[in-house]
PDB file of N, CA and C in Angstrom:
ATOM      1  N   MET A   1      18.488 -68.948  23.755  1.00  0.00           N
ATOM      2  CA  MET A   1      17.859 -67.951  22.907  1.00  0.00           C
ATOM      3  C   MET A   1      16.552 -67.509  23.571  1.00  0.00           C
ATOM      4  N   PRO A   2      16.354 -66.211  23.797  1.00  0.00           N
ATOM      5  CA  PRO A   2      15.134 -65.735  24.439  1.00  0.00           C
ATOM      6  C   PRO A   2      13.918 -65.988  23.565  1.00  0.00           C
ATOM      7  N   LYS A   3      12.799 -66.270  24.217  1.00  0.00           N
ATOM      8  CA  LYS A   3      11.583 -66.565  23.484  1.00  0.00           C
ATOM      9  C   LYS A   3      10.617 -65.384  23.495  1.00  0.00           C
ATOM     10  N   LYS A   4      10.714 -64.515  24.494  1.00  0.00           N
ATOM     11  CA  LYS A   4       9.780 -63.413  24.623  1.00  0.00           C
ATOM     12  C   LYS A   4      10.364 -62.141  24.018  1.00  0.00           C
ATOM     13  N   LYS A   5       9.484 -61.326  23.462  1.00  0.00           N
ATOM     14  CA  LYS A   5       9.925 -60.071  22.852  1.00  0.00           C
ATOM     15  C   LYS A   5      10.606 -59.186  23.896  1.00  0.00           C
ATOM     16  N   ASN A   6      10.079 -59.161  25.126  1.00  0.00           N
ATOM     17  CA  ASN A   6      10.675 -58.343  26.184  1.00  0.00           C
ATOM     18  C   ASN A   6      12.117 -58.757  26.441  1.00  0.00           C
ATOM     19  N   GLU A   7      12.368 -60.067  26.443  1.00  0.00           N
ATOM     20  CA  GLU A   7      13.723 -60.548  26.668  1.00  0.00           C
ATOM     21  C   GLU A   7      14.630 -60.118  25.526  1.00  0.00           C
ATOM     22  N   MET A   8      14.119 -60.135  24.294  1.00  0.00           N
ATOM     23  CA  MET A   8      14.909 -59.691  23.144  1.00  0.00           C
ATOM     24  C   MET A   8      15.226 -58.205  23.273  1.00  0.00           C
ATOM     25  N   GLU A   9      14.228 -57.426  23.703  1.00  0.00           N
ATOM     26  CA  GLU A   9      14.437 -55.989  23.849  1.00  0.00           C
ATOM     27  C   GLU A   9      15.471 -55.701  24.929  1.00  0.00           C
ATOM     28  N   GLU A  10      15.452 -56.507  26.014  1.00  0.00           N
ATOM     29  CA  GLU A  10      16.410 -56.319  27.086  1.00  0.00           C
ATOM     30  C   GLU A  10      17.827 -56.624  26.606  1.00  0.00           C
ATOM     31  N   MET A  11      17.970 -57.582  25.669  1.00  0.00           N
ATOM     32  CA  MET A  11      19.280 -57.985  25.192  1.00  0.00           C
ATOM     33  C   MET A  11      19.872 -57.004  24.196  1.00  0.00           C
ATOM     34  N   LYS A  12      19.037 -56.191  23.546  1.00  0.00           N
ATOM     35  CA  LYS A  12      19.551 -55.261  22.547  1.00  0.00           C
ATOM     36  C   LYS A  12      20.629 -54.390  23.161  1.00  0.00           C
ATOM     37  N   GLY A  13      21.714 -54.285  22.445  1.00  0.00           N
ATOM     38  CA  GLY A  13      22.810 -53.461  22.930  1.00  0.00           C
ATOM     39  C   GLY A  13      23.747 -54.197  23.869  1.00  0.00           C
ATOM     40  N   THR A  14      23.333 -55.356  24.378  1.00  0.00           N
ATOM     41  CA  THR A  14      24.196 -56.092  25.289  1.00  0.00           C
ATOM     42  C   THR A  14      24.850 -57.283  24.612  1.00  0.00           C
ATOM     43  N   CYS A  15      24.352 -57.678  23.480  1.00  0.00           N
ATOM     44  CA  CYS A  15      24.908 -58.832  22.773  1.00  0.00           C
ATOM     45  C   CYS A  15      26.168 -58.415  22.021  1.00  0.00           C
ATOM     46  N   PRO A  16      27.295 -59.040  22.330  1.00  0.00           N
ATOM     47  CA  PRO A  16      28.538 -58.635  21.661  1.00  0.00           C
ATOM     48  C   PRO A  16      28.572 -59.023  20.181  1.00  0.00           C
ATOM     49  N   HIS A  17      27.637 -59.855  19.741  1.00  0.00           N
ATOM     50  CA  HIS A  17      27.621 -60.314  18.353  1.00  0.00           C
ATOM     51  C   HIS A  17      26.646 -59.523  17.476  1.00  0.00           C
ATOM     52  N   CYS A  18      25.822 -58.676  18.082  1.00  0.00           N
ATOM     53  CA  CYS A  18      24.817 -57.930  17.328  1.00  0.00           C
ATOM     54  C   CYS A  18      25.308 -56.529  17.009  1.00  0.00           C
ATOM     55  N   SER A  19      24.957 -56.051  15.823  1.00  0.00           N
ATOM     56  CA  SER A  19      25.415 -54.731  15.384  1.00  0.00           C
ATOM     57  C   SER A  19      24.599 -53.597  15.987  1.00  0.00           C
ATOM     58  N   GLY A  20      23.394 -53.907  16.450  1.00  0.00           N
ATOM     59  CA  GLY A  20      22.516 -52.860  16.956  1.00  0.00           C
ATOM     60  C   GLY A  20      21.727 -52.188  15.851  1.00  0.00           C
ATOM     61  N   LYS A  21      21.987 -52.562  14.599  1.00  0.00           N
ATOM     62  CA  LYS A  21      21.252 -51.997  13.470  1.00  0.00           C
ATOM     63  C   LYS A  21      19.885 -52.650  13.378  1.00  0.00           C
ATOM     64  N   HIS A  22      19.006 -52.036  12.588  1.00  0.00           N
ATOM     65  CA  HIS A  22      17.629 -52.507  12.456  1.00  0.00           C
ATOM     66  C   HIS A  22      17.269 -52.622  10.985  1.00  0.00           C
ATOM     67  N   LYS A  23      16.443 -53.594  10.642  1.00  0.00           N
ATOM     68  CA  LYS A  23      16.011 -53.792   9.248  1.00  0.00           C
ATOM     69  C   LYS A  23      14.500 -53.976   9.242  1.00  0.00           C
ATOM     70  N   ASP A  24      13.801 -53.093   8.564  1.00  0.00           N
ATOM     71  CA  ASP A  24      12.358 -53.257   8.382  1.00  0.00           C
ATOM     72  C   ASP A  24      12.133 -54.176   7.191  1.00  0.00           C
ATOM     73  N   ARG A  25      11.527 -55.334   7.463  1.00  0.00           N
ATOM     74  CA  ARG A  25      11.252 -56.301   6.394  1.00  0.00           C
ATOM     75  C   ARG A  25       9.777 -56.220   6.025  1.00  0.00           C
ATOM     76  N   ASP A  26       9.496 -56.448   4.746  1.00  0.00           N
ATOM     77  CA  ASP A  26       8.087 -56.493   4.369  1.00  0.00           C
ATOM     78  C   ASP A  26       7.495 -57.805   4.895  1.00  0.00           C
ATOM     79  N   ASP A  27       6.176 -57.844   4.944  1.00  0.00           N
ATOM     80  CA  ASP A  27       5.482 -58.994   5.543  1.00  0.00           C
ATOM     81  C   ASP A  27       5.822 -60.305   4.851  1.00  0.00           C
ATOM     82  N   LYS A  28       5.931 -60.292   3.527  1.00  0.00           N
ATOM     83  CA  LYS A  28       6.220 -61.527   2.792  1.00  0.00           C
ATOM     84  C   LYS A  28       7.601 -62.074   3.143  1.00  0.00           C
ATOM     85  N   GLU A  29       8.603 -61.198   3.163  1.00  0.00           N
ATOM     86  CA  GLU A  29       9.958 -61.628   3.501  1.00  0.00           C
ATOM     87  C   GLU A  29      10.012 -62.178   4.920  1.00  0.00           C
ATOM     88  N   LYS A  30       9.410 -61.449   5.859  1.00  0.00           N
ATOM     89  CA  LYS A  30       9.425 -61.882   7.248  1.00  0.00           C
ATOM     90  C   LYS A  30       8.694 -63.218   7.410  1.00  0.00           C
ATOM     91  N   ARG A  31       7.554 -63.357   6.755  1.00  0.00           N
ATOM     92  CA  ARG A  31       6.768 -64.597   6.836  1.00  0.00           C
ATOM     93  C   ARG A  31       7.560 -65.776   6.284  1.00  0.00           C
ATOM     94  N   ASP A  32       8.235 -65.572   5.143  1.00  0.00           N
ATOM     95  CA  ASP A  32       9.038 -66.632   4.537  1.00  0.00           C
ATOM     96  C   ASP A  32      10.169 -67.065   5.473  1.00  0.00           C
ATOM     97  N   LEU A  33      10.892 -66.096   6.012  1.00  0.00           N
ATOM     98  CA  LEU A  33      11.997 -66.417   6.916  1.00  0.00           C
ATOM     99  C   LEU A  33      11.497 -67.104   8.188  1.00  0.00           C
ATOM    100  N   MET A  34      10.398 -66.617   8.735  1.00  0.00           N
ATOM    101  CA  MET A  34       9.842 -67.237   9.954  1.00  0.00           C
ATOM    102  C   MET A  34       9.387 -68.671   9.673  1.00  0.00           C
ATOM    103  N   ASN A  35       8.749 -68.889   8.525  1.00  0.00           N
ATOM    104  CA  ASN A  35       8.308 -70.246   8.183  1.00  0.00           C
ATOM    105  C   ASN A  35       9.496 -71.190   8.063  1.00  0.00           C
ATOM    106  N   ARG A  36      10.567 -70.718   7.456  1.00  0.00           N
ATOM    107  CA  ARG A  36      11.774 -71.546   7.345  1.00  0.00           C
ATOM    108  C   ARG A  36      12.307 -71.906   8.724  1.00  0.00           C
ATOM    109  N   LEU A  37      12.370 -70.913   9.623  1.00  0.00           N
ATOM    110  CA  LEU A  37      12.875 -71.170  10.966  1.00  0.00           C
ATOM    111  C   LEU A  37      11.973 -72.130  11.747  1.00  0.00           C
ATOM    112  N   LYS A  38      10.675 -71.984  11.572  1.00  0.00           N
ATOM    113  CA  LYS A  38       9.753 -72.884  12.273  1.00  0.00           C
ATOM    114  C   LYS A  38       9.911 -74.330  11.788  1.00  0.00           C
ATOM    115  N   ARG A  39      10.137 -74.495  10.474  1.00  0.00           N
ATOM    116  CA  ARG A  39      10.390 -75.851   9.960  1.00  0.00           C
ATOM    117  C   ARG A  39      11.682 -76.411  10.539  1.00  0.00           C
ATOM    118  N   ILE A  40      12.708 -75.587  10.610  1.00  0.00           N
ATOM    119  CA  ILE A  40      13.987 -76.023  11.169  1.00  0.00           C
ATOM    120  C   ILE A  40      13.813 -76.382  12.645  1.00  0.00           C
ATOM    121  N   GLU A  41      13.071 -75.560  13.355  1.00  0.00           N
ATOM    122  CA  GLU A  41      12.798 -75.837  14.769  1.00  0.00           C
ATOM    123  C   GLU A  41      12.097 -77.186  14.926  1.00  0.00           C
ATOM    124  N   GLY A  42      11.161 -77.464  14.036  1.00  0.00           N
ATOM    125  CA  GLY A  42      10.473 -78.756  14.057  1.00  0.00           C
ATOM    126  C   GLY A  42      11.427 -79.910  13.778  1.00  0.00           C
ATOM    127  N   GLN A  43      12.352 -79.691  12.844  1.00  0.00           N
ATOM    128  CA  GLN A  43      13.345 -80.726  12.550  1.00  0.00           C
ATOM    129  C   GLN A  43      14.234 -80.993  13.769  1.00  0.00           C
ATOM    130  N   VAL A  44      14.626 -79.937  14.465  1.00  0.00           N
ATOM    131  CA  VAL A  44      15.464 -80.095  15.653  1.00  0.00           C
ATOM    132  C   VAL A  44      14.694 -80.861  16.732  1.00  0.00           C
ATOM    133  N   ARG A  45      13.424 -80.521  16.912  1.00  0.00           N
ATOM    134  CA  ARG A  45      12.610 -81.266  17.887  1.00  0.00           C
ATOM    135  C   ARG A  45      12.481 -82.732  17.484  1.00  0.00           C
ATOM    136  N   GLY A  46      12.411 -82.986  16.164  1.00  0.00           N
ATOM    137  CA  GLY A  46      12.341 -84.359  15.684  1.00  0.00           C
ATOM    138  C   GLY A  46      13.609 -85.128  16.021  1.00  0.00           C
ATOM    139  N   VAL A  47      14.755 -84.500  15.870  1.00  0.00           N
ATOM    140  CA  VAL A  47      16.021 -85.142  16.213  1.00  0.00           C
ATOM    141  C   VAL A  47      16.083 -85.394  17.725  1.00  0.00           C
ATOM    142  N   GLU A  48      15.606 -84.446  18.488  1.00  0.00           N
ATOM    143  CA  GLU A  48      15.556 -84.627  19.941  1.00  0.00           C
ATOM    144  C   GLU A  48      14.713 -85.859  20.286  1.00  0.00           C
ATOM    145  N   GLY A  49      13.573 -86.003  19.614  1.00  0.00           N
ATOM    146  CA  GLY A  49      12.725 -87.178  19.834  1.00  0.00           C
ATOM    147  C   GLY A  49      13.415 -88.464  19.414  1.00  0.00           C
ATOM    148  N   MET A  50      14.142 -88.398  18.303  1.00  0.00           N
ATOM    149  CA  MET A  50      14.883 -89.580  17.853  1.00  0.00           C
ATOM    150  C   MET A  50      15.912 -90.001  18.896  1.00  0.00           C
ATOM    151  N   LEU A  51      16.587 -89.021  19.464  1.00  0.00           N
ATOM    152  CA  LEU A  51      17.593 -89.312  20.478  1.00  0.00           C
ATOM    153  C   LEU A  51      16.944 -89.925  21.721  1.00  0.00           C
ATOM    154  N   GLU A  52      15.826 -89.338  22.133  1.00  0.00           N
ATOM    155  CA  GLU A  52      15.106 -89.875  23.294  1.00  0.00           C
ATOM    156  C   GLU A  52      14.620 -91.300  23.042  1.00  0.00           C
ATOM    157  N   ASP A  53      14.282 -91.595  21.784  1.00  0.00           N
ATOM    158  CA  ASP A  53      13.792 -92.936  21.422  1.00  0.00           C
ATOM    159  C   ASP A  53      14.917 -93.889  21.038  1.00  0.00           C
ATOM    160  N   ASP A  54      16.161 -93.481  21.277  1.00  0.00           N
ATOM    161  CA  ASP A  54      17.326 -94.313  20.984  1.00  0.00           C
ATOM    162  C   ASP A  54      17.410 -94.720  19.517  1.00  0.00           C
ATOM    163  N   ALA A  55      17.141 -93.769  18.630  1.00  0.00           N
ATOM    164  CA  ALA A  55      17.237 -94.044  17.194  1.00  0.00           C
ATOM    165  C   ALA A  55      18.678 -94.350  16.825  1.00  0.00           C
ATOM    166  N   TYR A  56      18.838 -95.022  15.729  1.00  0.00           N
ATOM    167  CA  TYR A  56      20.153 -95.427  15.235  1.00  0.00           C
ATOM    168  C   TYR A  56      20.970 -94.191  14.844  1.00  0.00           C
ATOM    169  N   CYS A  57      22.258 -94.231  15.124  1.00  0.00           N
ATOM    170  CA  CYS A  57      23.148 -93.072  14.928  1.00  0.00           C
ATOM    171  C   CYS A  57      23.061 -92.482  13.523  1.00  0.00           C
ATOM    172  N   THR A  58      23.138 -93.339  12.500  1.00  0.00           N
ATOM    173  CA  THR A  58      23.156 -92.788  11.137  1.00  0.00           C
ATOM    174  C   THR A  58      21.827 -92.144  10.774  1.00  0.00           C
ATOM    175  N   ASP A  59      20.739 -92.638  11.326  1.00  0.00           N
ATOM    176  CA  ASP A  59      19.440 -92.006  11.073  1.00  0.00           C
ATOM    177  C   ASP A  59      19.424 -90.585  11.644  1.00  0.00           C
ATOM    178  N   ILE A  60      19.987 -90.422  12.829  1.00  0.00           N
ATOM    179  CA  ILE A  60      20.069 -89.094  13.446  1.00  0.00           C
ATOM    180  C   ILE A  60      21.006 -88.200  12.637  1.00  0.00           C
ATOM    181  N   LEU A  61      22.137 -88.749  12.227  1.00  0.00           N
ATOM    182  CA  LEU A  61      23.094 -87.961  11.445  1.00  0.00           C
ATOM    183  C   LEU A  61      22.487 -87.447  10.144  1.00  0.00           C
ATOM    184  N   VAL A  62      21.689 -88.272   9.492  1.00  0.00           N
ATOM    185  CA  VAL A  62      21.029 -87.849   8.247  1.00  0.00           C
ATOM    186  C   VAL A  62      20.080 -86.688   8.521  1.00  0.00           C
ATOM    187  N   GLN A  63      19.352 -86.754   9.630  1.00  0.00           N
ATOM    188  CA  GLN A  63      18.424 -85.671   9.967  1.00  0.00           C
ATOM    189  C   GLN A  63      19.177 -84.394  10.341  1.00  0.00           C
ATOM    190  N   VAL A  64      20.281 -84.523  11.047  1.00  0.00           N
ATOM    191  CA  VAL A  64      21.094 -83.354  11.387  1.00  0.00           C
ATOM    192  C   VAL A  64      21.658 -82.718  10.116  1.00  0.00           C
ATOM    193  N   SER A  65      22.039 -83.542   9.165  1.00  0.00           N
ATOM    194  CA  SER A  65      22.515 -83.020   7.880  1.00  0.00           C
ATOM    195  C   SER A  65      21.409 -82.237   7.177  1.00  0.00           C
ATOM    196  N   ALA A  66      20.184 -82.722   7.262  1.00  0.00           N
ATOM    197  CA  ALA A  66      19.052 -82.009   6.657  1.00  0.00           C
ATOM    198  C   ALA A  66      18.842 -80.659   7.346  1.00  0.00           C
ATOM    199  N   ILE A  67      19.036 -80.621   8.653  1.00  0.00           N
ATOM    200  CA  ILE A  67      18.908 -79.364   9.396  1.00  0.00           C
ATOM    201  C   ILE A  67      20.001 -78.382   8.951  1.00  0.00           C
ATOM    202  N   THR A  68      21.209 -78.885   8.812  1.00  0.00           N
ATOM    203  CA  THR A  68      22.318 -78.048   8.357  1.00  0.00           C
ATOM    204  C   THR A  68      22.021 -77.463   6.975  1.00  0.00           C
ATOM    205  N   SER A  69      21.494 -78.294   6.084  1.00  0.00           N
ATOM    206  CA  SER A  69      21.130 -77.814   4.742  1.00  0.00           C
ATOM    207  C   SER A  69      20.041 -76.758   4.812  1.00  0.00           C
ATOM    208  N   ALA A  70      19.063 -76.968   5.677  1.00  0.00           N
ATOM    209  CA  ALA A  70      17.976 -75.993   5.826  1.00  0.00           C
ATOM    210  C   ALA A  70      18.499 -74.666   6.368  1.00  0.00           C
ATOM    211  N   LEU A  71      19.422 -74.720   7.324  1.00  0.00           N
ATOM    212  CA  LEU A  71      20.019 -73.489   7.852  1.00  0.00           C
ATOM    213  C   LEU A  71      20.843 -72.782   6.783  1.00  0.00           C
ATOM    214  N   ASN A  72      21.588 -73.542   5.977  1.00  0.00           N
ATOM    215  CA  ASN A  72      22.351 -72.941   4.882  1.00  0.00           C
ATOM    216  C   ASN A  72      21.424 -72.271   3.875  1.00  0.00           C
ATOM    217  N   SER A  73      20.301 -72.906   3.593  1.00  0.00           N
ATOM    218  CA  SER A  73      19.323 -72.328   2.678  1.00  0.00           C
ATOM    219  C   SER A  73      18.741 -71.036   3.253  1.00  0.00           C
ATOM    220  N   PHE A  74      18.442 -71.043   4.544  1.00  0.00           N
ATOM    221  CA  PHE A  74      17.954 -69.843   5.231  1.00  0.00           C
ATOM    222  C   PHE A  74      18.976 -68.716   5.080  1.00  0.00           C
ATOM    223  N   ASN A  75      20.248 -69.030   5.327  1.00  0.00           N
ATOM    224  CA  ASN A  75      21.301 -68.022   5.208  1.00  0.00           C
ATOM    225  C   ASN A  75      21.407 -67.474   3.793  1.00  0.00           C
ATOM    226  N   LYS A  76      21.274 -68.335   2.794  1.00  0.00           N
ATOM    227  CA  LYS A  76      21.356 -67.882   1.400  1.00  0.00           C
ATOM    228  C   LYS A  76      20.241 -66.897   1.072  1.00  0.00           C
ATOM    229  N   VAL A  77      19.028 -67.205   1.515  1.00  0.00           N
ATOM    230  CA  VAL A  77      17.888 -66.315   1.261  1.00  0.00           C
ATOM    231  C   VAL A  77      18.099 -64.988   1.993  1.00  0.00           C
ATOM    232  N   LEU A  78      18.500 -65.061   3.256  1.00  0.00           N
ATOM    233  CA  LEU A  78      18.700 -63.843   4.043  1.00  0.00           C
ATOM    234  C   LEU A  78      19.831 -62.996   3.462  1.00  0.00           C
ATOM    235  N   LEU A  79      20.915 -63.642   3.042  1.00  0.00           N
ATOM    236  CA  LEU A  79      22.041 -62.919   2.447  1.00  0.00           C
ATOM    237  C   LEU A  79      21.636 -62.245   1.137  1.00  0.00           C
ATOM    238  N   ALA A  80      20.890 -62.953   0.307  1.00  0.00           N
ATOM    239  CA  ALA A  80      20.429 -62.362  -0.954  1.00  0.00           C
ATOM    240  C   ALA A  80      19.537 -61.155  -0.680  1.00  0.00           C
ATOM    241  N   ASN A  81      18.626 -61.280   0.271  1.00  0.00           N
ATOM    242  CA  ASN A  81      17.758 -60.154   0.632  1.00  0.00           C
ATOM    243  C   ASN A  81      18.595 -58.979   1.145  1.00  0.00           C
ATOM    244  N   HIS A  82      19.601 -59.285   1.958  1.00  0.00           N
ATOM    245  CA  HIS A  82      20.471 -58.245   2.520  1.00  0.00           C
ATOM    246  C   HIS A  82      21.209 -57.498   1.408  1.00  0.00           C
ATOM    247  N   MET A  83      21.733 -58.248   0.463  1.00  0.00           N
ATOM    248  CA  MET A  83      22.489 -57.615  -0.624  1.00  0.00           C
ATOM    249  C   MET A  83      21.583 -56.771  -1.516  1.00  0.00           C
ATOM    250  N   LYS A  84      20.373 -57.261  -1.778  1.00  0.00           N
ATOM    251  CA  LYS A  84      19.438 -56.536  -2.648  1.00  0.00           C
ATOM    252  C   LYS A  84      18.871 -55.289  -1.982  1.00  0.00           C
ATOM    253  N   SER A  85      18.821 -55.283  -0.654  1.00  0.00           N
ATOM    254  CA  SER A  85      18.224 -54.134   0.027  1.00  0.00           C
ATOM    255  C   SER A  85      19.280 -53.324   0.779  1.00  0.00           C
ATOM    256  N   CYS A  86      19.745 -53.828   1.885  1.00  0.00           N
ATOM    257  CA  CYS A  86      20.661 -53.062   2.744  1.00  0.00           C
ATOM    258  C   CYS A  86      21.933 -52.629   2.019  1.00  0.00           C
ATOM    259  N   VAL A  87      22.599 -53.575   1.386  1.00  0.00           N
ATOM    260  CA  VAL A  87      23.871 -53.255   0.724  1.00  0.00           C
ATOM    261  C   VAL A  87      23.637 -52.305  -0.443  1.00  0.00           C
ATOM    262  N   ALA A  88      22.681 -52.631  -1.298  1.00  0.00           N
ATOM    263  CA  ALA A  88      22.405 -51.781  -2.466  1.00  0.00           C
ATOM    264  C   ALA A  88      21.994 -50.377  -2.042  1.00  0.00           C
ATOM    265  N   ASP A  89      21.123 -50.264  -1.033  1.00  0.00           N
ATOM    266  CA  ASP A  89      20.676 -48.945  -0.567  1.00  0.00           C
ATOM    267  C   ASP A  89      21.847 -48.122  -0.028  1.00  0.00           C
ATOM    268  N   ASN A  90      22.715 -48.759   0.744  1.00  0.00           N
ATOM    269  CA  ASN A  90      23.867 -48.049   1.304  1.00  0.00           C
ATOM    270  C   ASN A  90      24.813 -47.563   0.209  1.00  0.00           C
ATOM    271  N   ILE A  91      25.044 -48.398  -0.785  1.00  0.00           N
ATOM    272  CA  ILE A  91      25.923 -47.994  -1.890  1.00  0.00           C
ATOM    273  C   ILE A  91      25.310 -46.817  -2.638  1.00  0.00           C
ATOM    274  N   ARG A  92      24.008 -46.876  -2.903  1.00  0.00           N
ATOM    275  CA  ARG A  92      23.324 -45.767  -3.581  1.00  0.00           C
ATOM    276  C   ARG A  92      23.450 -44.464  -2.796  1.00  0.00           C
ATOM    277  N   GLN A  93      23.507 -44.579  -1.461  1.00  0.00           N
ATOM    278  CA  GLN A  93      23.610 -43.397  -0.605  1.00  0.00           C
ATOM    279  C   GLN A  93      25.057 -42.967  -0.402  1.00  0.00           C
ATOM    280  N   GLY A  94      25.983 -43.648  -1.072  1.00  0.00           N
ATOM    281  CA  GLY A  94      27.385 -43.274  -0.986  1.00  0.00           C
ATOM    282  C   GLY A  94      28.139 -43.890   0.176  1.00  0.00           C
ATOM    283  N   ASN A  95      27.536 -44.819   0.882  1.00  0.00           N
ATOM    284  CA  ASN A  95      28.193 -45.472   2.016  1.00  0.00           C
ATOM    285  C   ASN A  95      28.901 -46.739   1.543  1.00  0.00           C
ATOM    286  N   ASP A  96      30.134 -46.575   1.105  1.00  0.00           N
ATOM    287  CA  ASP A  96      30.903 -47.723   0.614  1.00  0.00           C
ATOM    288  C   ASP A  96      31.419 -48.610   1.743  1.00  0.00           C
ATOM    289  N   GLU A  97      31.327 -48.147   2.990  1.00  0.00           N
ATOM    290  CA  GLU A  97      31.762 -48.959   4.129  1.00  0.00           C
ATOM    291  C   GLU A  97      30.940 -50.243   4.243  1.00  0.00           C
ATOM    292  N   ILE A  98      29.759 -50.240   3.650  1.00  0.00           N
ATOM    293  CA  ILE A  98      28.912 -51.427   3.681  1.00  0.00           C
ATOM    294  C   ILE A  98      29.599 -52.598   2.995  1.00  0.00           C
ATOM    295  N   ILE A  99      30.463 -52.318   2.032  1.00  0.00           N
ATOM    296  CA  ILE A  99      31.204 -53.389   1.343  1.00  0.00           C
ATOM    297  C   ILE A  99      32.134 -54.090   2.327  1.00  0.00           C
ATOM    298  N   ASP A 100      32.825 -53.314   3.154  1.00  0.00           N
ATOM    299  CA  ASP A 100      33.701 -53.912   4.168  1.00  0.00           C
ATOM    300  C   ASP A 100      32.893 -54.768   5.145  1.00  0.00           C
ATOM    301  N   GLU A 101      31.729 -54.263   5.530  1.00  0.00           N
ATOM    302  CA  GLU A 101      30.859 -55.029   6.433  1.00  0.00           C
ATOM    303  C   GLU A 101      30.428 -56.340   5.779  1.00  0.00           C
ATOM    304  N   LEU A 102      30.087 -56.273   4.498  1.00  0.00           N
ATOM    305  CA  LEU A 102      29.677 -57.471   3.769  1.00  0.00           C
ATOM    306  C   LEU A 102      30.822 -58.479   3.677  1.00  0.00           C
ATOM    307  N   VAL A 103      32.026 -57.997   3.416  1.00  0.00           N
ATOM    308  CA  VAL A 103      33.189 -58.885   3.330  1.00  0.00           C
ATOM    309  C   VAL A 103      33.403 -59.589   4.673  1.00  0.00           C
ATOM    310  N   VAL A 104      33.334 -58.851   5.766  1.00  0.00           N
ATOM    311  CA  VAL A 104      33.505 -59.446   7.099  1.00  0.00           C
ATOM    312  C   VAL A 104      32.413 -60.480   7.357  1.00  0.00           C
ATOM    313  N   THR A 105      31.186 -60.156   6.981  1.00  0.00           N
ATOM    314  CA  THR A 105      30.078 -61.090   7.167  1.00  0.00           C
ATOM    315  C   THR A 105      30.308 -62.376   6.364  1.00  0.00           C
ATOM    316  N   LEU A 106      30.710 -62.233   5.116  1.00  0.00           N
ATOM    317  CA  LEU A 106      30.976 -63.406   4.282  1.00  0.00           C
ATOM    318  C   LEU A 106      32.109 -64.247   4.858  1.00  0.00           C
ATOM    319  N   GLN A 107      33.136 -63.593   5.384  1.00  0.00           N
ATOM    320  CA  GLN A 107      34.232 -64.342   6.008  1.00  0.00           C
ATOM    321  C   GLN A 107      33.741 -65.133   7.212  1.00  0.00           C
ATOM    322  N   LYS A 108      32.846 -64.573   7.986  1.00  0.00           N
ATOM    323  CA  LYS A 108      32.280 -65.292   9.140  1.00  0.00           C
ATOM    324  C   LYS A 108      31.433 -66.471   8.686  1.00  0.00           C
ATOM    325  N   LEU A 109      30.695 -66.274   7.597  1.00  0.00           N
ATOM    326  CA  LEU A 109      29.831 -67.355   7.093  1.00  0.00           C
ATOM    327  C   LEU A 109      30.619 -68.498   6.484  1.00  0.00           C
ATOM    328  N   MET A 110      31.826 -68.195   6.005  1.00  0.00           N
ATOM    329  CA  MET A 110      32.616 -69.203   5.286  1.00  0.00           C
ATOM    330  C   MET A 110      33.628 -69.912   6.183  1.00  0.00           C
ATOM    331  N   LYS A 111      33.520 -69.775   7.467  1.00  0.00           N
ATOM    332  CA  LYS A 111      34.453 -70.454   8.380  1.00  0.00           C
ATOM    333  C   LYS A 111      34.395 -71.947   8.186  1.00  0.00           C
TER     334      LYS A 111
END
């Protein structure tokens, strides 16, 4: 995953998994999502440290489970925001194709 904004800009349009669409988020939403990701990043670094310190397997598994839960929570918040803004706005503008996009997204999330 690129760390620099320039690297992200270079990847735009080249990532086969990205839609190329853009979403302007308000500062509060962006701050909340970034804080969640930073906590998750810290948890991952903690697991890395546990592994380096030869921590017991089940202790690591419990921490990985916590990371999975945190990522699921992040997805729930992001999905709710998406439905309240992007999906609702598109429907109001008469773009019902957004429903198909949402269905495909939900199918990917529910694998």
